[in-house]
Amino acid sequence: MNQANPHITRRSLVTAATFLPAAAVRGSAANSAVTVGLIGCGGRGPHDAKLLVKDVPGARLIALADLFQDRIDRARKSIPVENPKMYLSGQELLDKSGVDAVIIATPVYLHPEHFEQAVRAKKHIYIEKPAGADVAGVKRLMVAADSADRSLNITFGFQQRCGAGYRKAKALFDAGGIGQIAAAHSYWVKNQVGNIKQGPPPKSDIEKVKQWHEWRELFGDYIVENNVHGIDVMNWFLGGHPAKAVGSGGRTLINYGDNTDHSYVTFDYANNVQGHLNGTMIAPRFYRDVKEQFFGQTGVIETHREFWRHYRGANDIVTENEKRPDITSDALEEFIQRIKDGKPQNTAQSGAESTLTAIMGRMATDARREVTWEEMLKSA
């Protein structure tokens, strides 16, 4: 049941939390440290920022922005950087900080808005996935990405694409190392909802923004915000987005907000190959199984964030660990290096397609019927 206050509208939510469009001038970083600002100091933003400071040479975090001062204060304590500039709006950061690049880690429904602002300000952009919470938002982001200065480096936080193990697995896959592909699986099985408590719905726009993880219109639901990582890997390996999806799911343990806590979706890709998503957020708290599997006629490739495996035959399994504890460091380092080398890349198209694939899966799960790519695109 949707527990949202009916008087809290989408427009008022955007007004409560968004940063107005800007037009700033990007500094040159070709021959010096790339200066970076963080927009969004909740959970993921400080995580990315800490990895940037700790693991990425040639980058310097100099600015933090968030709507809420307490989140800026917490981020400042957790990120090992001295005397960052602090702003209560992304607009101010874009206008006044002088950064070369920004990390956007704000609530999902604001990603298109904040992406537009950074494009207009001509900043290099590392934006956390997904591209938006709904089809209209993703389309908006795609328009902004298409209008971006071609010198800008635009990277989505689908870090698997930058992991050394993932890239080796993809190279083996492309070289026919497991024969003709027959099927793909993505598992996102863990506990994500165990700490959500029953309570009264938010009474104001700001209260709802602070609870954005619990409300589908702001969060996108778990399949879009969370399971989209595995969907992105399937799209990457299988060479594009699927044509249709059929799914089922619902709410078993979750007792607040309006997200579902499990989704099972089958996607139809090219060449008669199906990809299967098991998005279970209600496993016991001690259990976690997050991986992708690709089944060929002669072998199997299995990818994880920590390692990858090649099943070559009975009792013949090769396993190789990732070099870093968190492959997000690889993604951030590549982002910064592309800026320094003047070799921009715009990954908005693939990021948007993976997000739209997840939204198509969400629609199929809700309707419990087949939903096509065309129907999904026409829904907004």
Protein backbone atom coordinates (compact mmCIF):
# COMPACT_ATOMS: atom_id res chain seq x y z
CA MET A 1 0.00 0.00 0.00
CA ASN A 2 1.31 3.46 -0.86
CA GLN A 3 1.69 5.36 2.40
CA ALA A 4 2.82 8.65 0.83
CA ASN A 5 1.13 11.87 1.84
CA PRO A 6 -1.18 12.65 -1.10
CA HIS A 7 -0.46 16.36 -0.71
CA ILE A 8 3.27 15.89 -1.39
CA THR A 9 3.59 16.31 -5.15
CA ARG A 10 6.48 15.48 -7.45
CA ARG A 11 6.87 19.16 -8.30
CA SER A 12 7.12 20.16 -4.65
CA LEU A 13 9.66 17.41 -4.02
CA VAL A 14 11.86 18.68 -6.81
CA THR A 15 11.51 22.20 -5.46
CA ALA A 16 12.49 20.99 -2.01
CA ALA A 17 15.64 19.19 -3.07
CA THR A 18 16.83 20.24 -6.50
CA PHE A 19 19.59 22.63 -7.46
CA LEU A 20 18.78 25.20 -10.15
CA PRO A 21 20.51 25.09 -13.57
CA ALA A 22 23.90 26.75 -13.82
CA ALA A 23 26.38 28.01 -16.37
CA ALA A 24 29.92 27.87 -15.06
CA VAL A 25 33.23 27.55 -16.88
CA ARG A 26 35.24 24.36 -16.59
CA GLY A 27 38.86 24.71 -15.55
CA SER A 28 41.70 22.99 -17.37
CA ALA A 29 43.13 19.89 -15.70
CA ALA A 30 45.38 18.48 -18.39
CA ASN A 31 48.66 19.26 -16.64
CA SER A 32 47.68 19.33 -12.96
CA ALA A 33 45.58 17.51 -10.41
CA VAL A 34 41.94 17.19 -11.42
CA THR A 35 39.85 19.05 -8.86
CA VAL A 36 36.59 17.32 -7.91
CA GLY A 37 33.42 18.32 -6.11
CA LEU A 38 30.94 15.93 -4.52
CA ILE A 39 27.23 16.70 -4.97
CA GLY A 40 25.27 14.49 -2.58
CA CYS A 41 26.77 13.64 0.81
CA GLY A 42 24.40 10.87 1.92
CA GLY A 43 25.73 7.29 1.75
CA ARG A 44 27.20 6.48 -1.65
CA GLY A 45 28.71 9.92 -2.23
CA PRO A 46 31.13 9.85 0.72
CA HIS A 47 32.01 6.24 -0.18
CA ASP A 48 33.04 7.29 -3.68
CA ALA A 49 34.85 10.34 -2.34
CA LYS A 50 36.89 8.30 0.14
CA LEU A 51 37.99 5.93 -2.63
CA LEU A 52 38.89 8.90 -4.84
CA VAL A 53 41.07 10.43 -2.11
CA LYS A 54 42.65 7.13 -1.09
CA ASP A 55 43.13 5.25 -4.37
CA VAL A 56 43.17 7.68 -7.29
CA PRO A 57 46.38 9.59 -8.09
CA GLY A 58 46.02 12.90 -9.84
CA ALA A 59 42.67 13.80 -8.25
CA ARG A 60 41.97 16.31 -5.50
CA LEU A 61 38.61 16.56 -3.73
CA ILE A 62 38.03 20.20 -2.82
CA ALA A 63 34.27 20.73 -2.43
CA LEU A 64 31.17 19.16 -0.88
CA ALA A 65 27.52 20.00 -1.47
CA ASP A 66 24.26 18.74 -0.03
CA LEU A 67 20.83 20.11 0.83
CA PHE A 68 21.36 19.12 4.47
CA GLN A 69 24.17 20.55 6.60
CA ASP A 70 24.33 17.52 8.89
CA ARG A 71 25.16 15.29 5.94
CA ILE A 72 27.93 17.62 4.84
CA ASP A 73 29.31 17.57 8.39
CA ARG A 74 29.27 13.76 8.52
CA ALA A 75 30.91 13.51 5.12
CA ARG A 76 33.61 15.97 6.12
CA LYS A 77 34.46 13.82 9.14
CA SER A 78 34.56 10.56 7.16
CA ILE A 79 36.48 11.72 4.07
CA PRO A 80 40.23 12.22 4.64
CA VAL A 81 40.47 15.70 3.14
CA GLU A 82 41.29 18.98 4.88
CA ASN A 83 39.20 22.14 4.65
CA PRO A 84 36.94 21.35 1.70
CA LYS A 85 34.69 24.11 0.40
CA MET A 86 31.13 23.46 1.54
CA TYR A 87 27.88 24.44 -0.13
CA LEU A 88 24.19 23.89 0.58
CA SER A 89 23.41 23.62 -3.13
CA GLY A 90 24.97 22.02 -6.14
CA GLN A 91 24.37 25.31 -7.96
CA GLU A 92 26.78 27.07 -5.63
CA LEU A 93 29.37 24.33 -5.99
CA LEU A 94 29.17 24.48 -9.78
CA ASP A 95 29.35 28.27 -9.81
CA LYS A 96 31.88 29.03 -7.10
CA SER A 97 34.14 26.07 -6.35
CA GLY A 98 36.13 26.12 -9.59
CA VAL A 99 36.21 22.30 -9.82
CA ASP A 100 37.06 20.47 -13.02
CA ALA A 101 34.73 17.54 -12.32
CA VAL A 102 31.84 16.46 -10.13
CA ILE A 103 30.64 13.23 -8.61
CA ILE A 104 26.82 13.21 -8.57
CA ALA A 105 25.48 10.92 -5.85
CA THR A 106 22.11 12.47 -5.10
CA PRO A 107 18.71 10.71 -4.82
CA VAL A 108 17.83 8.81 -7.99
CA TYR A 109 14.90 10.97 -9.03
CA LEU A 110 17.19 14.02 -9.09
CA HIS A 111 19.87 12.47 -11.31
CA PRO A 112 18.48 13.95 -14.56
CA GLU A 113 18.17 17.43 -13.03
CA HIS A 114 21.66 17.44 -11.55
CA PHE A 115 23.17 15.88 -14.66
CA GLU A 116 21.69 18.71 -16.75
CA GLN A 117 23.21 21.29 -14.43
CA ALA A 118 26.67 19.77 -14.63
CA VAL A 119 26.47 19.53 -18.42
CA ARG A 120 25.50 23.20 -18.65
CA ALA A 121 28.36 24.09 -16.32
CA LYS A 122 30.74 22.14 -18.60
CA LYS A 123 32.06 19.89 -15.84
CA HIS A 124 33.34 16.36 -16.27
CA ILE A 125 30.74 14.06 -14.70
CA TYR A 126 30.90 10.83 -12.72
CA ILE A 127 27.25 10.08 -11.95
CA GLU A 128 26.01 7.22 -9.83
CA LYS A 129 23.54 4.83 -11.41
CA PRO A 130 20.74 4.66 -12.38
CA ALA A 131 19.99 7.35 -14.95
CA GLY A 132 16.61 8.14 -13.40
CA ALA A 133 13.66 6.73 -11.49
CA ASP A 134 11.28 6.70 -14.47
CA VAL A 135 11.22 6.75 -18.25
CA ALA A 136 10.64 10.50 -18.47
CA GLY A 137 13.67 11.19 -16.27
CA VAL A 138 15.93 8.90 -18.29
CA LYS A 139 14.85 10.51 -21.55
CA ARG A 140 15.61 13.91 -20.05
CA LEU A 141 19.10 12.80 -19.10
CA MET A 142 19.72 11.37 -22.57
CA VAL A 143 18.83 14.71 -24.18
CA ALA A 144 21.26 16.49 -21.86
CA ALA A 145 23.99 13.93 -22.57
CA ASP A 146 23.54 14.36 -26.30
CA SER A 147 23.94 18.12 -25.91
CA ALA A 148 27.11 17.85 -23.81
CA ASP A 149 30.39 19.37 -24.97
CA ARG A 150 32.31 16.58 -26.70
CA SER A 151 35.39 17.37 -24.60
CA LEU A 152 33.59 16.31 -21.41
CA ASN A 153 34.19 12.92 -19.86
CA ILE A 154 30.89 11.40 -18.71
CA THR A 155 30.96 8.19 -16.72
CA PHE A 156 28.15 6.25 -15.07
CA GLY A 157 28.76 4.35 -11.85
CA PHE A 158 28.43 0.92 -13.43
CA GLN A 159 31.84 0.02 -12.06
CA GLN A 160 31.79 -3.60 -13.21
CA ARG A 161 32.66 -2.37 -16.69
CA CYS A 162 35.98 -1.07 -15.31
CA GLY A 163 36.94 -4.04 -13.12
CA ALA A 164 39.98 -5.92 -14.43
CA GLY A 165 38.32 -9.29 -13.81
CA TYR A 166 35.14 -8.27 -15.56
CA ARG A 167 37.11 -7.06 -18.55
CA LYS A 168 39.07 -10.30 -18.77
CA ALA A 169 35.84 -12.25 -18.57
CA LYS A 170 34.29 -10.08 -21.30
CA ALA A 171 37.33 -10.56 -23.54
CA LEU A 172 37.09 -14.34 -23.11
CA PHE A 173 33.37 -14.19 -23.81
CA ASP A 174 33.88 -12.12 -26.99
CA ALA A 175 36.61 -14.48 -28.18
CA GLY A 176 34.22 -17.44 -28.02
CA GLY A 177 35.85 -18.91 -24.94
CA ILE A 178 32.65 -20.60 -23.78
CA GLY A 179 31.21 -21.32 -27.21
CA GLN A 180 27.84 -20.12 -28.41
CA ILE A 181 25.99 -18.29 -25.64
CA ALA A 182 22.83 -20.06 -24.46
CA ALA A 183 21.65 -18.12 -21.40
CA ALA A 184 22.60 -15.46 -18.85
CA HIS A 185 21.73 -15.12 -15.17
CA SER A 186 22.03 -12.20 -12.76
CA TYR A 187 21.69 -12.86 -9.04
CA TRP A 188 21.21 -10.04 -6.58
CA VAL A 189 20.33 -12.04 -3.49
CA LYS A 190 20.89 -10.43 -0.11
CA ASN A 191 19.06 -8.62 2.71
CA GLN A 192 18.35 -4.99 1.93
CA VAL A 193 15.18 -4.34 3.89
CA GLY A 194 15.80 -5.81 7.33
CA ASN A 195 16.19 -2.45 9.08
CA ILE A 196 13.15 -0.73 7.58
CA LYS A 197 10.61 -0.07 10.32
CA GLN A 198 6.90 0.54 10.15
CA GLY A 199 6.10 4.17 10.89
CA PRO A 200 3.94 7.12 9.94
CA PRO A 201 4.23 8.47 6.39
CA PRO A 202 6.24 11.67 5.88
CA LYS A 203 4.37 14.86 6.69
CA SER A 204 6.41 17.23 4.54
CA ASP A 205 8.43 17.37 1.35
CA ILE A 206 11.69 17.48 3.26
CA GLU A 207 10.75 14.45 5.38
CA LYS A 208 10.01 12.47 2.23
CA VAL A 209 13.27 13.53 0.58
CA LYS A 210 15.16 12.32 3.66
CA GLN A 211 13.39 8.95 3.25
CA TRP A 212 13.92 8.80 -0.50
CA HIS A 213 15.10 5.17 -0.40
CA GLU A 214 11.62 4.05 0.71
CA TRP A 215 9.52 5.64 -2.04
CA ARG A 216 9.46 4.31 -5.59
CA GLU A 217 8.95 7.69 -7.30
CA LEU A 218 12.20 8.91 -5.71
CA PHE A 219 14.17 5.64 -5.53
CA GLY A 220 13.00 3.69 -8.58
CA ASP A 221 12.48 0.49 -6.55
CA TYR A 222 15.21 -2.06 -5.88
CA ILE A 223 15.25 -3.45 -9.40
CA VAL A 224 16.09 0.00 -10.80
CA GLU A 225 18.37 1.35 -8.07
CA ASN A 226 20.10 -1.86 -7.04
CA ASN A 227 19.61 -4.83 -9.37
CA VAL A 228 20.42 -2.60 -12.35
CA HIS A 229 24.11 -3.42 -11.86
CA GLY A 230 23.59 -7.04 -12.90
CA ILE A 231 21.24 -5.98 -15.69
CA ASP A 232 23.97 -3.68 -16.99
CA VAL A 233 26.45 -6.56 -17.05
CA MET A 234 24.00 -8.71 -19.03
CA ASN A 235 23.44 -5.87 -21.53
CA TRP A 236 27.20 -5.37 -21.82
CA PHE A 237 28.03 -9.03 -22.44
CA LEU A 238 25.05 -9.71 -24.69
CA GLY A 239 25.66 -6.64 -26.84
CA GLY A 240 22.62 -4.47 -26.20
CA HIS A 241 19.30 -4.13 -24.47
CA PRO A 242 16.59 -6.83 -24.57
CA ALA A 243 13.46 -6.54 -26.70
CA LYS A 244 10.98 -7.52 -23.99
CA ALA A 245 10.57 -8.82 -20.47
CA VAL A 246 8.16 -10.84 -18.37
CA GLY A 247 8.27 -10.86 -14.59
CA SER A 248 6.77 -11.40 -11.19
CA GLY A 249 7.46 -10.09 -7.71
CA GLY A 250 6.03 -8.29 -4.73
CA ARG A 251 6.38 -7.41 -1.04
CA THR A 252 6.92 -10.09 1.60
CA LEU A 253 8.90 -8.51 4.45
CA ILE A 254 9.04 -4.82 3.66
CA ASN A 255 6.49 -2.89 5.71
CA TYR A 256 7.07 0.76 4.87
CA GLY A 257 7.12 2.90 1.75
CA ASP A 258 5.97 1.43 -1.56
CA ASN A 259 8.94 -0.52 -2.96
CA THR A 260 8.82 -4.25 -3.66
CA ASP A 261 11.36 -6.54 -2.01
CA HIS A 262 11.72 -9.25 -4.66
CA SER A 263 11.59 -9.43 -8.47
CA TYR A 264 12.08 -12.32 -10.88
CA VAL A 265 12.37 -11.22 -14.51
CA THR A 266 13.22 -12.93 -17.78
CA PHE A 267 14.56 -10.66 -20.53
CA ASP A 268 14.59 -11.64 -24.22
CA TYR A 269 17.84 -10.62 -25.92
CA ALA A 270 19.00 -11.00 -29.52
CA ASN A 271 19.80 -14.41 -31.01
CA ASN A 272 17.12 -16.17 -28.97
CA VAL A 273 19.09 -15.73 -25.72
CA GLN A 274 17.28 -15.09 -22.45
CA GLY A 275 18.70 -13.31 -19.42
CA HIS A 276 17.23 -14.07 -16.01
CA LEU A 277 17.23 -11.73 -13.01
CA ASN A 278 16.76 -12.95 -9.44
CA GLY A 279 16.44 -9.75 -7.44
CA THR A 280 15.82 -11.00 -3.91
CA MET A 281 16.31 -8.43 -1.17
CA ILE A 282 14.84 -10.57 1.65
CA ALA A 283 17.45 -13.29 2.20
CA PRO A 284 18.65 -13.95 5.75
CA ARG A 285 20.99 -11.19 6.91
CA PHE A 286 24.01 -13.53 6.91
CA TYR A 287 23.49 -14.58 3.27
CA ARG A 288 24.67 -12.81 0.13
CA ASP A 289 24.95 -14.06 -3.44
CA VAL A 290 25.62 -11.30 -5.98
CA LYS A 291 26.99 -12.47 -9.32
CA GLU A 292 26.39 -12.92 -13.03
CA GLN A 293 26.64 -16.17 -15.00
CA PHE A 294 26.93 -16.74 -18.74
CA PHE A 295 26.28 -20.24 -20.03
CA GLY A 296 27.85 -21.30 -23.34
CA GLN A 297 27.92 -24.59 -25.16
CA THR A 298 31.47 -25.36 -23.98
CA GLY A 299 31.85 -23.48 -20.71
CA VAL A 300 30.56 -21.01 -18.16
CA ILE A 301 31.77 -17.56 -17.12
CA GLU A 302 30.87 -16.33 -13.65
CA THR A 303 31.58 -12.75 -12.57
CA HIS A 304 31.65 -11.22 -9.08
CA ARG A 305 32.92 -7.92 -7.80
CA GLU A 306 35.71 -9.72 -5.94
CA PHE A 307 36.68 -12.40 -8.49
CA TRP A 308 35.68 -14.17 -11.69
CA ARG A 309 35.60 -17.81 -12.73
CA HIS A 310 35.89 -19.78 -15.93
CA TYR A 311 34.28 -23.22 -15.78
CA ARG A 312 36.16 -25.07 -18.52
CA GLY A 313 35.03 -28.62 -17.76
CA ALA A 314 34.31 -31.12 -15.01
CA ASN A 315 36.73 -30.36 -12.14
CA ASP A 316 38.41 -27.72 -14.30
CA ILE A 317 37.66 -24.29 -12.85
CA VAL A 318 39.94 -21.25 -13.07
CA THR A 319 39.40 -18.45 -10.52
CA GLU A 320 41.10 -15.06 -10.51
CA ASN A 321 40.65 -12.41 -7.81
CA GLU A 322 40.18 -8.71 -8.47
CA LYS A 323 43.22 -6.58 -7.66
CA ARG A 324 41.36 -4.09 -5.48
CA PRO A 325 38.84 -4.60 -2.68
CA ASP A 326 36.36 -2.29 -4.43
CA ILE A 327 36.30 -2.02 -8.23
CA THR A 328 34.75 1.44 -7.86
CA SER A 329 38.36 2.57 -7.42
CA ASP A 330 39.08 1.30 -10.93
CA ALA A 331 36.14 3.23 -12.35
CA LEU A 332 37.13 6.45 -10.59
CA GLU A 333 40.77 6.14 -11.59
CA GLU A 334 39.85 5.60 -15.23
CA PHE A 335 37.50 8.61 -15.07
CA ILE A 336 40.27 10.86 -13.78
CA GLN A 337 42.89 9.49 -16.16
CA ARG A 338 40.67 10.13 -19.18
CA ILE A 339 40.35 13.76 -18.08
CA LYS A 340 44.11 14.13 -17.66
CA ASP A 341 44.83 12.43 -21.00
CA GLY A 342 42.21 14.44 -22.88
CA LYS A 343 40.47 11.25 -24.03
CA PRO A 344 36.81 11.83 -23.15
CA GLN A 345 34.22 9.10 -23.17
CA ASN A 346 30.45 9.51 -22.87
CA THR A 347 28.80 6.41 -21.39
CA ALA A 348 25.37 7.99 -21.01
CA GLN A 349 23.81 5.87 -23.76
CA SER A 350 24.68 2.52 -22.19
CA GLY A 351 23.86 3.84 -18.71
CA ALA A 352 20.46 5.01 -19.87
CA GLU A 353 19.75 1.75 -21.73
CA SER A 354 20.54 -0.34 -18.66
CA THR A 355 18.30 1.87 -16.54
CA LEU A 356 15.47 1.57 -19.08
CA THR A 357 15.96 -2.20 -19.13
CA ALA A 358 15.46 -2.26 -15.36
CA ILE A 359 12.37 -0.05 -15.69
CA MET A 360 10.98 -2.44 -18.31
CA GLY A 361 11.58 -5.27 -15.84
CA ARG A 362 9.80 -3.28 -13.13
CA MET A 363 6.82 -2.74 -15.41
CA ALA A 364 6.70 -6.45 -16.26
CA THR A 365 6.89 -7.36 -12.58
CA ASP A 366 4.06 -4.98 -11.69
CA ALA A 367 1.83 -6.14 -14.54
CA ARG A 368 2.87 -9.81 -14.36
CA ARG A 369 2.84 -9.96 -18.14
CA GLU A 370 5.13 -9.38 -21.11
CA VAL A 371 6.25 -5.78 -21.65
CA THR A 372 8.12 -4.74 -24.79
CA TRP A 373 10.86 -2.14 -25.15
CA GLU A 374 8.54 -0.04 -27.33
CA GLU A 375 5.74 -0.13 -24.74
CA MET A 376 8.16 0.91 -22.02
CA LEU A 377 9.47 3.86 -24.07
CA LYS A 378 5.95 5.02 -24.88
CA SER A 379 4.89 4.95 -21.22
CA ALA A 380 6.21 8.50 -20.75
